[in-house]
Amino acid sequence: MTSKPARNVARTAALAVGAIGSAAIAAAYLYSSRRREGAEHKGTAPARPPSGEPPQTD
């Protein structure tokens, strides 16, 4: 047997690992940016009724 198929398998595995790694980095970046946006919106106060009536609760 020749070593050419082994090199091809190694190259394919390296490309697969690189693709999975870059996808994981992109997912982590998107997750952290969404958390940051959510934290910015949590500081705002809820809207009150414009007429000054107390909010209705069940």
C-alpha atoms as a PDB file:
ATOM      1  CA  MET A   1       0.000   0.000   0.000  1.00  0.00           C
ATOM      2  CA  THR A   2       1.065   3.560  -0.553  1.00  0.00           C
ATOM      3  CA  SER A   3       1.049   6.393   1.948  1.00  0.00           C
ATOM      4  CA  LYS A   4      -0.896   8.708  -0.359  1.00  0.00           C
ATOM      5  CA  PRO A   5      -4.366   7.744   1.011  1.00  0.00           C
ATOM      6  CA  ALA A   6      -3.118   8.304   4.562  1.00  0.00           C
ATOM      7  CA  ARG A   7      -2.038  11.850   3.686  1.00  0.00           C
ATOM      8  CA  ASN A   8      -5.387  12.482   2.062  1.00  0.00           C
ATOM      9  CA  VAL A   9      -7.221  11.320   5.189  1.00  0.00           C
ATOM     10  CA  ALA A  10      -5.032  13.485   7.398  1.00  0.00           C
ATOM     11  CA  ARG A  11      -5.610  16.503   5.196  1.00  0.00           C
ATOM     12  CA  THR A  12      -9.376  15.933   5.243  1.00  0.00           C
ATOM     13  CA  ALA A  13      -9.349  15.535   9.014  1.00  0.00           C
ATOM     14  CA  ALA A  14      -7.358  18.737   9.434  1.00  0.00           C
ATOM     15  CA  LEU A  15      -9.827  20.650   7.269  1.00  0.00           C
ATOM     16  CA  ALA A  16     -12.763  19.233   9.235  1.00  0.00           C
ATOM     17  CA  VAL A  17     -11.191  20.220  12.558  1.00  0.00           C
ATOM     18  CA  GLY A  18     -10.514  23.709  11.227  1.00  0.00           C
ATOM     19  CA  ALA A  19     -14.091  24.117  10.038  1.00  0.00           C
ATOM     20  CA  ILE A  20     -15.530  22.920  13.347  1.00  0.00           C
ATOM     21  CA  GLY A  21     -13.184  25.172  15.309  1.00  0.00           C
ATOM     22  CA  SER A  22     -14.036  28.260  13.295  1.00  0.00           C
ATOM     23  CA  ALA A  23     -17.753  27.522  13.628  1.00  0.00           C
ATOM     24  CA  ALA A  24     -17.348  27.229  17.402  1.00  0.00           C
ATOM     25  CA  ILE A  25     -15.541  30.571  17.558  1.00  0.00           C
ATOM     26  CA  ALA A  26     -18.267  32.229  15.478  1.00  0.00           C
ATOM     27  CA  ALA A  27     -20.998  30.771  17.708  1.00  0.00           C
ATOM     28  CA  ALA A  28     -19.222  31.983  20.846  1.00  0.00           C
ATOM     29  CA  TYR A  29     -18.896  35.474  19.376  1.00  0.00           C
ATOM     30  CA  LEU A  30     -22.594  35.623  18.472  1.00  0.00           C
ATOM     31  CA  TYR A  31     -23.611  34.330  21.913  1.00  0.00           C
ATOM     32  CA  SER A  32     -21.498  36.895  23.730  1.00  0.00           C
ATOM     33  CA  SER A  33     -22.751  39.777  21.578  1.00  0.00           C
ATOM     34  CA  ARG A  34     -26.379  38.794  22.242  1.00  0.00           C
ATOM     35  CA  ARG A  35     -25.723  38.624  25.982  1.00  0.00           C
ATOM     36  CA  ARG A  36     -24.154  42.082  25.839  1.00  0.00           C
ATOM     37  CA  GLU A  37     -27.175  43.502  23.973  1.00  0.00           C
ATOM     38  CA  GLY A  38     -29.542  41.897  26.480  1.00  0.00           C
ATOM     39  CA  ALA A  39     -27.652  43.413  29.399  1.00  0.00           C
ATOM     40  CA  GLU A  40     -27.940  46.867  27.853  1.00  0.00           C
ATOM     41  CA  HIS A  41     -31.725  46.554  27.562  1.00  0.00           C
ATOM     42  CA  LYS A  42     -32.256  45.284  31.108  1.00  0.00           C
ATOM     43  CA  GLY A  43     -31.368  48.669  32.569  1.00  0.00           C
ATOM     44  CA  THR A  44     -34.419  50.389  31.077  1.00  0.00           C
ATOM     45  CA  ALA A  45     -37.532  50.890  33.194  1.00  0.00           C
ATOM     46  CA  PRO A  46     -40.805  49.315  32.036  1.00  0.00           C
ATOM     47  CA  ALA A  47     -43.297  51.616  30.347  1.00  0.00           C
ATOM     48  CA  ARG A  48     -46.060  53.010  32.535  1.00  0.00           C
ATOM     49  CA  PRO A  49     -49.636  53.618  31.413  1.00  0.00           C
ATOM     50  CA  PRO A  50     -49.902  57.127  29.923  1.00  0.00           C
ATOM     51  CA  SER A  51     -53.047  58.038  31.884  1.00  0.00           C
ATOM     52  CA  GLY A  52     -51.426  57.523  35.283  1.00  0.00           C
ATOM     53  CA  GLU A  53     -53.669  54.588  36.158  1.00  0.00           C
ATOM     54  CA  PRO A  54     -52.112  51.814  38.217  1.00  0.00           C
ATOM     55  CA  PRO A  55     -51.085  48.778  36.198  1.00  0.00           C
ATOM     56  CA  GLN A  56     -53.627  45.967  36.154  1.00  0.00           C
ATOM     57  CA  THR A  57     -52.490  42.683  37.619  1.00  0.00           C
ATOM     58  CA  ASP A  58     -54.215  39.330  37.959  1.00  0.00           C
END
